[in-house]
Each structure stands twice: as C-alpha cells, then as structure tokens.
C-alpha cells in the first residue's frame, strides 16, 4: 500500500481503536479481523436446517456485548458487521437496530459511516428509528468537513423515506449546491433528486436551483443537473426560457 493511502487510513481511523480492524495491506487484502472473517465464513457453510438457530445465538451474543457499558468501539462495530451479514443472509437481526442507530452517532466518521450503512440494511422503511437519524444527518450537513457532508448526503438518500420530514432537509441540501467542492455539489443534486422521488411536489421548489447548476464550472455537476432536468422538467415555453441562458453557457464550455 502506498504511503499516502496509509496516511489516509490513519487519518480516518484517528487515535482511537477505530472500527476494530486494520487497514488492508498487500498481505491482508480484506480489512476484517481473522476471527470475524472466519466466523462469517462458517455462517455461509451452515446447512439450512441449522442456519436460523446459529444466527439467533450469534445475535444474542452481539446484543450481550453491545449492552455492556465497557464495550470497546472495536468490539461494538464487529458486532454490527456480524448483524448486517446475518440480516443479508435472510435471518432476523432486528434486535441490533437500536445499536446501529447509536453507532451512527459515534464520534469518529468511520464508525458513523458503518452505523448509517447498518441502519440502511437493518431498519424497515417505516421504522421510527429513521426519525432519530434525521438529527444526525442534519449535523453532518452543517459541518465544514467535506467527508462529513458527503456522508450526510449519502445517508439522507438511503435513510430518509418520510415525506413529512423532507422540509427539514431540503433547504440545507439546496445551500450545498453552492459548496466549493464539486463532489458536494454533485451529491447534493443527487440527494434532491431522491427527495423529489419521495415527494414529487418538491420539484417546483428545487427546480430553479437545479437549473442554476447548468452554469457550473465542473462538467460532472452539469451532467448530473442535465439528467435530473430531463427527468422532471416539463415542456412549455416558460420553462424553456428558464434554461436558455444556462444551456448556452454549457455550449460555450
């Protein structure tokens, strides 16, 4: 692994014990601990008749560890990874839902990313726990850290399903369209697209902001804006005048 990649992993992991496993190397290509990797592999080899019982015991063990006040972040995140794997196997890991929500509020970014990922897998669309995550996402969007903002936008796309709370997020996401980072601007457009899928009536509110990104200096932002406009923009003379100047700007680039 290159020095710069090693430094990146070190910066993400921080001074704590991180997520419980090391950064991948040429000698160890995956980042799971040996015990966790072996345990997950054993689950895939179980006969169907024993799978449910063994997975239930694994979840019981994870709940026991996560309920202890002295559980380390590394042990907690390994339990969440185990729970996500079991859920993806088709078994019930719903008892870990609240612990996934707690992990999404962890102090380190890498732990929060895992928490958001686990929530997207473990929480059903109508879960009340998704409402608890709204404040977490809003905090991510309000930071000055580009990785945190991007994490919040991805989490919003994957976890926000209730149209009644979109009004809390739409304004914050629209402000990010003027971010200095083209990555943030692109992801903000994608997030607005997702919100409009949930509540089509939002398009009238965000339309002018999306059209404004046709004049963006970055081609990836312009391309994303064009794709969104092709999906939602209605064909009438008034709308045509709105996009005339931005389209001419694109042609000049």
C-alpha atoms as a PDB file:
ATOM      1  CA  UNK A   1       0.000   0.000   0.000  1.00  0.00           C
ATOM      2  CA  UNK A   2       1.301   3.459  -0.852  1.00  0.00           C
ATOM      3  CA  UNK A   3       2.371   5.885   1.863  1.00  0.00           C
ATOM      4  CA  UNK A   4      -0.374   8.347   1.005  1.00  0.00           C
ATOM      5  CA  UNK A   5      -3.050   5.622   1.290  1.00  0.00           C
ATOM      6  CA  UNK A   6      -1.625   4.526   4.634  1.00  0.00           C
ATOM      7  CA  UNK A   7      -1.769   8.131   5.864  1.00  0.00           C
ATOM      8  CA  UNK A   8      -5.362   8.413   4.644  1.00  0.00           C
ATOM      9  CA  UNK A   9      -6.427   5.334   6.585  1.00  0.00           C
ATOM     10  CA  UNK A  10      -4.582   6.603   9.630  1.00  0.00           C
ATOM     11  CA  UNK A  11      -6.396   9.943   9.419  1.00  0.00           C
ATOM     12  CA  UNK A  12      -9.786   8.244   9.046  1.00  0.00           C
ATOM     13  CA  UNK A  13      -9.214   5.812  11.888  1.00  0.00           C
ATOM     14  CA  UNK A  14      -7.998   8.509  14.251  1.00  0.00           C
ATOM     15  CA  UNK A  15      -6.236   7.944  17.569  1.00  0.00           C
ATOM     16  CA  UNK A  16      -8.871   5.536  18.931  1.00  0.00           C
ATOM     17  CA  UNK A  17      -9.176   1.837  18.162  1.00  0.00           C
ATOM     18  CA  UNK A  18     -11.176   2.653  15.064  1.00  0.00           C
ATOM     19  CA  UNK A  19     -13.686   0.181  13.786  1.00  0.00           C
ATOM     20  CA  UNK A  20     -11.975  -2.874  15.189  1.00  0.00           C
ATOM     21  CA  UNK A  21      -9.842  -3.954  12.280  1.00  0.00           C
ATOM     22  CA  UNK A  22      -6.771  -2.706  10.468  1.00  0.00           C
ATOM     23  CA  UNK A  23      -6.338  -1.005   7.126  1.00  0.00           C
ATOM     24  CA  UNK A  24      -5.920  -3.553   4.281  1.00  0.00           C
ATOM     25  CA  UNK A  25      -2.404  -4.365   3.119  1.00  0.00           C
ATOM     26  CA  UNK A  26      -0.952  -6.491   0.328  1.00  0.00           C
ATOM     27  CA  UNK A  27      -0.508  -9.332   2.828  1.00  0.00           C
ATOM     28  CA  UNK A  28      -4.028  -8.905   4.227  1.00  0.00           C
ATOM     29  CA  UNK A  29      -6.298  -7.671   1.408  1.00  0.00           C
ATOM     30  CA  UNK A  30      -9.533  -7.565   3.379  1.00  0.00           C
ATOM     31  CA  UNK A  31      -9.919  -5.444   6.491  1.00  0.00           C
ATOM     32  CA  UNK A  32     -11.820  -7.856   8.749  1.00  0.00           C
ATOM     33  CA  UNK A  33     -10.098  -9.400  11.730  1.00  0.00           C
ATOM     34  CA  UNK A  34      -9.220 -13.061  11.292  1.00  0.00           C
ATOM     35  CA  UNK A  35     -11.718 -14.186  13.920  1.00  0.00           C
ATOM     36  CA  UNK A  36     -14.588 -12.204  12.402  1.00  0.00           C
ATOM     37  CA  UNK A  37     -13.745 -13.284   8.852  1.00  0.00           C
ATOM     38  CA  UNK A  38     -13.587 -16.939   9.912  1.00  0.00           C
ATOM     39  CA  UNK A  39     -16.862 -16.639  11.827  1.00  0.00           C
ATOM     40  CA  UNK A  40     -18.702 -15.122   8.868  1.00  0.00           C
ATOM     41  CA  UNK A  41     -17.317 -17.766   6.542  1.00  0.00           C
ATOM     42  CA  UNK A  42     -18.590 -20.507   8.874  1.00  0.00           C
ATOM     43  CA  UNK A  43     -22.085 -18.989   8.730  1.00  0.00           C
ATOM     44  CA  UNK A  44     -22.140 -19.332   4.941  1.00  0.00           C
ATOM     45  CA  UNK A  45     -21.236 -23.027   5.220  1.00  0.00           C
ATOM     46  CA  UNK A  46     -24.033 -23.919   7.637  1.00  0.00           C
ATOM     47  CA  UNK A  47     -26.774 -26.281   6.439  1.00  0.00           C
ATOM     48  CA  UNK A  48     -30.129 -24.570   6.076  1.00  0.00           C
ATOM     49  CA  UNK A  49     -31.562 -26.604   8.946  1.00  0.00           C
ATOM     50  CA  UNK A  50     -29.079 -25.087  11.437  1.00  0.00           C
ATOM     51  CA  UNK A  51     -28.707 -21.606   9.991  1.00  0.00           C
ATOM     52  CA  UNK A  52     -31.569 -19.946  11.874  1.00  0.00           C
ATOM     53  CA  UNK A  53     -30.565 -21.351  15.266  1.00  0.00           C
ATOM     54  CA  UNK A  54     -26.886 -20.466  14.913  1.00  0.00           C
ATOM     55  CA  UNK A  55     -27.674 -16.954  13.649  1.00  0.00           C
ATOM     56  CA  UNK A  56     -30.046 -16.407  16.583  1.00  0.00           C
ATOM     57  CA  UNK A  57     -27.287 -17.365  19.026  1.00  0.00           C
ATOM     58  CA  UNK A  58     -24.867 -15.037  17.245  1.00  0.00           C
ATOM     59  CA  UNK A  59     -27.341 -12.156  17.588  1.00  0.00           C
ATOM     60  CA  UNK A  60     -27.884 -12.993  21.269  1.00  0.00           C
ATOM     61  CA  UNK A  61     -24.121 -12.824  21.772  1.00  0.00           C
ATOM     62  CA  UNK A  62     -23.888  -9.489  19.929  1.00  0.00           C
ATOM     63  CA  UNK A  63     -26.718  -7.984  21.990  1.00  0.00           C
ATOM     64  CA  UNK A  64     -24.977  -9.123  25.168  1.00  0.00           C
ATOM     65  CA  UNK A  65     -21.712  -7.444  24.119  1.00  0.00           C
ATOM     66  CA  UNK A  66     -23.370  -4.245  22.939  1.00  0.00           C
ATOM     67  CA  UNK A  67     -25.355  -3.917  26.184  1.00  0.00           C
ATOM     68  CA  UNK A  68     -22.215  -3.766  28.317  1.00  0.00           C
ATOM     69  CA  UNK A  69     -21.094  -0.286  29.382  1.00  0.00           C
ATOM     70  CA  UNK A  70     -17.404  -1.177  28.941  1.00  0.00           C
ATOM     71  CA  UNK A  71     -17.671  -2.473  25.367  1.00  0.00           C
ATOM     72  CA  UNK A  72     -14.912  -1.030  23.172  1.00  0.00           C
ATOM     73  CA  UNK A  73     -15.748   0.669  19.849  1.00  0.00           C
ATOM     74  CA  UNK A  74     -13.892  -2.087  18.029  1.00  0.00           C
ATOM     75  CA  UNK A  75     -15.965  -4.863  19.631  1.00  0.00           C
ATOM     76  CA  UNK A  76     -19.181  -2.915  19.056  1.00  0.00           C
ATOM     77  CA  UNK A  77     -18.517  -2.374  15.356  1.00  0.00           C
ATOM     78  CA  UNK A  78     -17.604  -6.030  14.820  1.00  0.00           C
ATOM     79  CA  UNK A  79     -20.972  -6.959  16.326  1.00  0.00           C
ATOM     80  CA  UNK A  80     -22.727  -4.578  13.934  1.00  0.00           C
ATOM     81  CA  UNK A  81     -20.864  -6.032  10.943  1.00  0.00           C
ATOM     82  CA  UNK A  82     -21.899  -9.514  12.074  1.00  0.00           C
ATOM     83  CA  UNK A  83     -25.512  -8.378  12.397  1.00  0.00           C
ATOM     84  CA  UNK A  84     -25.548  -6.822   8.915  1.00  0.00           C
ATOM     85  CA  UNK A  85     -24.129 -10.019   7.451  1.00  0.00           C
ATOM     86  CA  UNK A  86     -26.781 -12.124   9.195  1.00  0.00           C
ATOM     87  CA  UNK A  87     -29.547  -9.787   8.014  1.00  0.00           C
ATOM     88  CA  UNK A  88     -28.296 -10.060   4.427  1.00  0.00           C
ATOM     89  CA  UNK A  89     -28.384 -13.843   4.789  1.00  0.00           C
ATOM     90  CA  UNK A  90     -32.135 -13.522   5.273  1.00  0.00           C
ATOM     91  CA  UNK A  91     -32.154 -14.058   9.039  1.00  0.00           C
ATOM     92  CA  UNK A  92     -33.556 -11.691  11.662  1.00  0.00           C
ATOM     93  CA  UNK A  93     -31.090  -9.194  13.156  1.00  0.00           C
ATOM     94  CA  UNK A  94     -33.696  -6.600  14.156  1.00  0.00           C
ATOM     95  CA  UNK A  95     -32.554  -6.650  17.801  1.00  0.00           C
ATOM     96  CA  UNK A  96     -29.453  -4.747  16.690  1.00  0.00           C
ATOM     97  CA  UNK A  97     -31.410  -1.847  15.185  1.00  0.00           C
ATOM     98  CA  UNK A  98     -31.049   0.498  18.158  1.00  0.00           C
ATOM     99  CA  UNK A  99     -27.340  -0.297  18.378  1.00  0.00           C
ATOM    100  CA  UNK A 100     -26.892   0.596  14.707  1.00  0.00           C
ATOM    101  CA  UNK A 101     -28.602   3.929  15.384  1.00  0.00           C
ATOM    102  CA  UNK A 102     -26.242   4.534  18.308  1.00  0.00           C
ATOM    103  CA  UNK A 103     -23.241   3.773  16.100  1.00  0.00           C
ATOM    104  CA  UNK A 104     -24.470   6.395  13.613  1.00  0.00           C
ATOM    105  CA  UNK A 105     -23.940   8.925  16.418  1.00  0.00           C
ATOM    106  CA  UNK A 106     -20.367   7.805  17.171  1.00  0.00           C
ATOM    107  CA  UNK A 107     -17.580  10.417  17.458  1.00  0.00           C
ATOM    108  CA  UNK A 108     -15.467   9.110  14.551  1.00  0.00           C
ATOM    109  CA  UNK A 109     -16.532   9.378  10.914  1.00  0.00           C
ATOM    110  CA  UNK A 110     -15.659   5.800  10.014  1.00  0.00           C
ATOM    111  CA  UNK A 111     -17.866   4.464  12.806  1.00  0.00           C
ATOM    112  CA  UNK A 112     -20.735   6.731  11.763  1.00  0.00           C
ATOM    113  CA  UNK A 113     -20.430   5.536   8.173  1.00  0.00           C
ATOM    114  CA  UNK A 114     -20.762   1.956   9.352  1.00  0.00           C
ATOM    115  CA  UNK A 115     -23.698   2.969  11.534  1.00  0.00           C
ATOM    116  CA  UNK A 116     -25.532   4.583   8.595  1.00  0.00           C
ATOM    117  CA  UNK A 117     -24.813   1.549   6.424  1.00  0.00           C
ATOM    118  CA  UNK A 118     -26.116  -0.813   9.109  1.00  0.00           C
ATOM    119  CA  UNK A 119     -29.249   1.304   9.543  1.00  0.00           C
ATOM    120  CA  UNK A 120     -29.955   1.174   5.816  1.00  0.00           C
ATOM    121  CA  UNK A 121     -29.838  -2.626   5.984  1.00  0.00           C
ATOM    122  CA  UNK A 122     -31.490  -3.267   9.354  1.00  0.00           C
ATOM    123  CA  UNK A 123     -34.236  -0.629   9.506  1.00  0.00           C
ATOM    124  CA  UNK A 124     -37.508  -1.153   7.595  1.00  0.00           C
ATOM    125  CA  UNK A 125     -38.850   1.879   5.685  1.00  0.00           C
ATOM    126  CA  UNK A 126     -41.500   2.614   8.331  1.00  0.00           C
ATOM    127  CA  UNK A 127     -39.182   2.324  11.327  1.00  0.00           C
ATOM    128  CA  UNK A 128     -39.406   5.112  13.897  1.00  0.00           C
ATOM    129  CA  UNK A 129     -35.643   4.820  14.350  1.00  0.00           C
ATOM    130  CA  UNK A 130     -35.230   6.543  10.979  1.00  0.00           C
ATOM    131  CA  UNK A 131     -36.639   9.705  12.552  1.00  0.00           C
ATOM    132  CA  UNK A 132     -33.876   9.582  15.169  1.00  0.00           C
ATOM    133  CA  UNK A 133     -31.319   9.638  12.377  1.00  0.00           C
ATOM    134  CA  UNK A 134     -32.652  12.911  10.944  1.00  0.00           C
ATOM    135  CA  UNK A 135     -30.808  14.986  13.561  1.00  0.00           C
ATOM    136  CA  UNK A 136     -27.616  13.002  12.923  1.00  0.00           C
ATOM    137  CA  UNK A 137     -27.850  13.704   9.205  1.00  0.00           C
ATOM    138  CA  UNK A 138     -28.544  17.402   9.781  1.00  0.00           C
ATOM    139  CA  UNK A 139     -25.417  17.649  11.951  1.00  0.00           C
ATOM    140  CA  UNK A 140     -23.340  16.083   9.179  1.00  0.00           C
ATOM    141  CA  UNK A 141     -24.692  18.567   6.630  1.00  0.00           C
ATOM    142  CA  UNK A 142     -23.956  21.521   8.912  1.00  0.00           C
ATOM    143  CA  UNK A 143     -20.240  20.763   9.322  1.00  0.00           C
ATOM    144  CA  UNK A 144     -17.368  22.295   7.363  1.00  0.00           C
ATOM    145  CA  UNK A 145     -15.838  18.881   6.724  1.00  0.00           C
ATOM    146  CA  UNK A 146     -16.366  17.670   3.152  1.00  0.00           C
ATOM    147  CA  UNK A 147     -16.178  13.935   4.100  1.00  0.00           C
ATOM    148  CA  UNK A 148     -18.797  14.506   6.823  1.00  0.00           C
ATOM    149  CA  UNK A 149     -21.085  16.428   4.464  1.00  0.00           C
ATOM    150  CA  UNK A 150     -20.787  13.722   1.802  1.00  0.00           C
ATOM    151  CA  UNK A 151     -21.561  11.086   4.420  1.00  0.00           C
ATOM    152  CA  UNK A 152     -24.658  13.023   5.469  1.00  0.00           C
ATOM    153  CA  UNK A 153     -25.872  13.327   1.878  1.00  0.00           C
ATOM    154  CA  UNK A 154     -25.414   9.615   1.224  1.00  0.00           C
ATOM    155  CA  UNK A 155     -27.206   8.805   4.481  1.00  0.00           C
ATOM    156  CA  UNK A 156     -30.070  11.128   3.532  1.00  0.00           C
ATOM    157  CA  UNK A 157     -30.504   9.336   0.190  1.00  0.00           C
ATOM    158  CA  UNK A 158     -30.536   5.908   1.825  1.00  0.00           C
ATOM    159  CA  UNK A 159     -32.407   6.536   5.064  1.00  0.00           C
ATOM    160  CA  UNK A 160     -34.957   9.334   4.556  1.00  0.00           C
ATOM    161  CA  UNK A 161     -38.265   7.828   3.425  1.00  0.00           C
ATOM    162  CA  UNK A 162     -40.852  10.015   5.161  1.00  0.00           C
ATOM    163  CA  UNK A 163     -42.057  12.959   3.069  1.00  0.00           C
ATOM    164  CA  UNK A 164     -43.156  14.809   6.212  1.00  0.00           C
ATOM    165  CA  UNK A 165     -39.554  15.483   7.282  1.00  0.00           C
ATOM    166  CA  UNK A 166     -38.143  16.479   3.903  1.00  0.00           C
ATOM    167  CA  UNK A 167     -38.847  20.141   4.639  1.00  0.00           C
ATOM    168  CA  UNK A 168     -36.211  19.977   7.401  1.00  0.00           C
ATOM    169  CA  UNK A 169     -33.537  18.892   4.947  1.00  0.00           C
ATOM    170  CA  UNK A 170     -34.356  20.412   1.566  1.00  0.00           C
ATOM    171  CA  UNK A 171     -33.131  23.908   2.420  1.00  0.00           C
ATOM    172  CA  UNK A 172     -29.857  22.622   3.865  1.00  0.00           C
ATOM    173  CA  UNK A 173     -29.222  20.466   0.798  1.00  0.00           C
ATOM    174  CA  UNK A 174     -30.018  23.338  -1.576  1.00  0.00           C
ATOM    175  CA  UNK A 175     -27.444  25.519   0.197  1.00  0.00           C
ATOM    176  CA  UNK A 176     -24.827  22.856  -0.516  1.00  0.00           C
ATOM    177  CA  UNK A 177     -25.285  23.445  -4.253  1.00  0.00           C
ATOM    178  CA  UNK A 178     -23.001  26.456  -3.788  1.00  0.00           C
ATOM    179  CA  UNK A 179     -20.306  24.457  -1.987  1.00  0.00           C
ATOM    180  CA  UNK A 180     -16.701  24.923  -3.102  1.00  0.00           C
ATOM    181  CA  UNK A 181     -16.420  21.145  -3.591  1.00  0.00           C
ATOM    182  CA  UNK A 182     -17.763  19.764  -6.863  1.00  0.00           C
ATOM    183  CA  UNK A 183     -18.263  16.433  -5.096  1.00  0.00           C
ATOM    184  CA  UNK A 184     -20.623  18.040  -2.612  1.00  0.00           C
ATOM    185  CA  UNK A 185     -22.499  19.906  -5.347  1.00  0.00           C
ATOM    186  CA  UNK A 186     -22.955  16.714  -7.365  1.00  0.00           C
ATOM    187  CA  UNK A 187     -24.093  14.689  -4.380  1.00  0.00           C
ATOM    188  CA  UNK A 188     -26.462  17.489  -3.322  1.00  0.00           C
ATOM    189  CA  UNK A 189     -28.143  17.303  -6.742  1.00  0.00           C
ATOM    190  CA  UNK A 190     -28.499  13.536  -6.428  1.00  0.00           C
ATOM    191  CA  UNK A 191     -29.999  13.985  -2.966  1.00  0.00           C
ATOM    192  CA  UNK A 192     -32.549  16.493  -4.257  1.00  0.00           C
ATOM    193  CA  UNK A 193     -33.455  14.016  -6.987  1.00  0.00           C
ATOM    194  CA  UNK A 194     -34.064  11.381  -4.325  1.00  0.00           C
ATOM    195  CA  UNK A 195     -36.236  13.782  -2.315  1.00  0.00           C
ATOM    196  CA  UNK A 196     -38.306  14.551  -5.407  1.00  0.00           C
ATOM    197  CA  UNK A 197     -38.840  10.832  -5.927  1.00  0.00           C
ATOM    198  CA  UNK A 198     -40.267  10.644  -2.410  1.00  0.00           C
ATOM    199  CA  UNK A 199     -42.356  13.807  -2.809  1.00  0.00           C
ATOM    200  CA  UNK A 200     -42.798  14.927  -6.455  1.00  0.00           C
ATOM    201  CA  UNK A 201     -44.348  18.226  -5.357  1.00  0.00           C
ATOM    202  CA  UNK A 202     -40.890  19.331  -4.151  1.00  0.00           C
ATOM    203  CA  UNK A 203     -39.712  19.767  -7.735  1.00  0.00           C
ATOM    204  CA  UNK A 204     -41.251  23.213  -8.057  1.00  0.00           C
ATOM    205  CA  UNK A 205     -39.235  24.313  -5.022  1.00  0.00           C
ATOM    206  CA  UNK A 206     -35.879  22.989  -6.207  1.00  0.00           C
ATOM    207  CA  UNK A 207     -36.265  23.436  -9.976  1.00  0.00           C
ATOM    208  CA  UNK A 208     -34.562  26.822 -10.261  1.00  0.00           C
ATOM    209  CA  UNK A 209     -31.635  25.668  -8.113  1.00  0.00           C
ATOM    210  CA  UNK A 210     -31.078  22.624 -10.325  1.00  0.00           C
ATOM    211  CA  UNK A 211     -31.288  24.764 -13.476  1.00  0.00           C
ATOM    212  CA  UNK A 212     -28.707  27.098 -11.942  1.00  0.00           C
ATOM    213  CA  UNK A 213     -26.186  24.233 -11.826  1.00  0.00           C
ATOM    214  CA  UNK A 214     -26.179  24.098 -15.632  1.00  0.00           C
ATOM    215  CA  UNK A 215     -23.801  27.054 -15.355  1.00  0.00           C
ATOM    216  CA  UNK A 216     -21.465  25.165 -13.029  1.00  0.00           C
ATOM    217  CA  UNK A 217     -17.756  25.110 -13.873  1.00  0.00           C
ATOM    218  CA  UNK A 218     -17.489  21.368 -13.238  1.00  0.00           C
ATOM    219  CA  UNK A 219     -18.689  19.005 -16.019  1.00  0.00           C
ATOM    220  CA  UNK A 220     -19.822  16.308 -13.579  1.00  0.00           C
ATOM    221  CA  UNK A 221     -22.147  18.758 -11.816  1.00  0.00           C
ATOM    222  CA  UNK A 222     -23.569  19.965 -15.145  1.00  0.00           C
ATOM    223  CA  UNK A 223     -24.073  16.383 -16.316  1.00  0.00           C
ATOM    224  CA  UNK A 224     -25.945  15.491 -13.130  1.00  0.00           C
ATOM    225  CA  UNK A 225     -28.147  18.576 -13.446  1.00  0.00           C
ATOM    226  CA  UNK A 226     -28.990  17.703 -17.068  1.00  0.00           C
ATOM    227  CA  UNK A 227     -30.001  14.167 -16.117  1.00  0.00           C
ATOM    228  CA  UNK A 228     -32.285  15.455 -13.370  1.00  0.00           C
ATOM    229  CA  UNK A 229     -33.856  18.103 -15.620  1.00  0.00           C
ATOM    230  CA  UNK A 230     -34.501  15.505 -18.312  1.00  0.00           C
ATOM    231  CA  UNK A 231     -36.458  13.530 -15.743  1.00  0.00           C
ATOM    232  CA  UNK A 232     -38.602  16.286 -14.231  1.00  0.00           C
ATOM    233  CA  UNK A 233     -38.669  19.358 -16.477  1.00  0.00           C
ATOM    234  CA  UNK A 234     -41.987  19.870 -18.244  1.00  0.00           C
ATOM    235  CA  UNK A 235     -42.135  21.003 -21.864  1.00  0.00           C
ATOM    236  CA  UNK A 236     -43.575  24.513 -22.047  1.00  0.00           C
ATOM    237  CA  UNK A 237     -42.343  27.935 -23.253  1.00  0.00           C
ATOM    238  CA  UNK A 238     -41.860  29.367 -19.763  1.00  0.00           C
ATOM    239  CA  UNK A 239     -39.582  26.540 -18.691  1.00  0.00           C
ATOM    240  CA  UNK A 240     -37.692  26.812 -21.968  1.00  0.00           C
ATOM    241  CA  UNK A 241     -36.801  30.429 -21.253  1.00  0.00           C
ATOM    242  CA  UNK A 242     -35.531  29.479 -17.796  1.00  0.00           C
ATOM    243  CA  UNK A 243     -32.933  27.092 -19.147  1.00  0.00           C
ATOM    244  CA  UNK A 244     -31.962  29.032 -22.282  1.00  0.00           C
ATOM    245  CA  UNK A 245     -29.069  31.006 -20.767  1.00  0.00           C
ATOM    246  CA  UNK A 246     -27.621  28.056 -18.793  1.00  0.00           C
ATOM    247  CA  UNK A 247     -27.769  25.836 -21.900  1.00  0.00           C
ATOM    248  CA  UNK A 248     -25.922  28.462 -23.939  1.00  0.00           C
ATOM    249  CA  UNK A 249     -23.319  28.566 -21.167  1.00  0.00           C
ATOM    250  CA  UNK A 250     -22.869  24.787 -21.445  1.00  0.00           C
ATOM    251  CA  UNK A 251     -22.353  25.059 -25.220  1.00  0.00           C
ATOM    252  CA  UNK A 252     -19.604  27.639 -24.694  1.00  0.00           C
ATOM    253  CA  UNK A 253     -17.636  25.377 -22.351  1.00  0.00           C
END
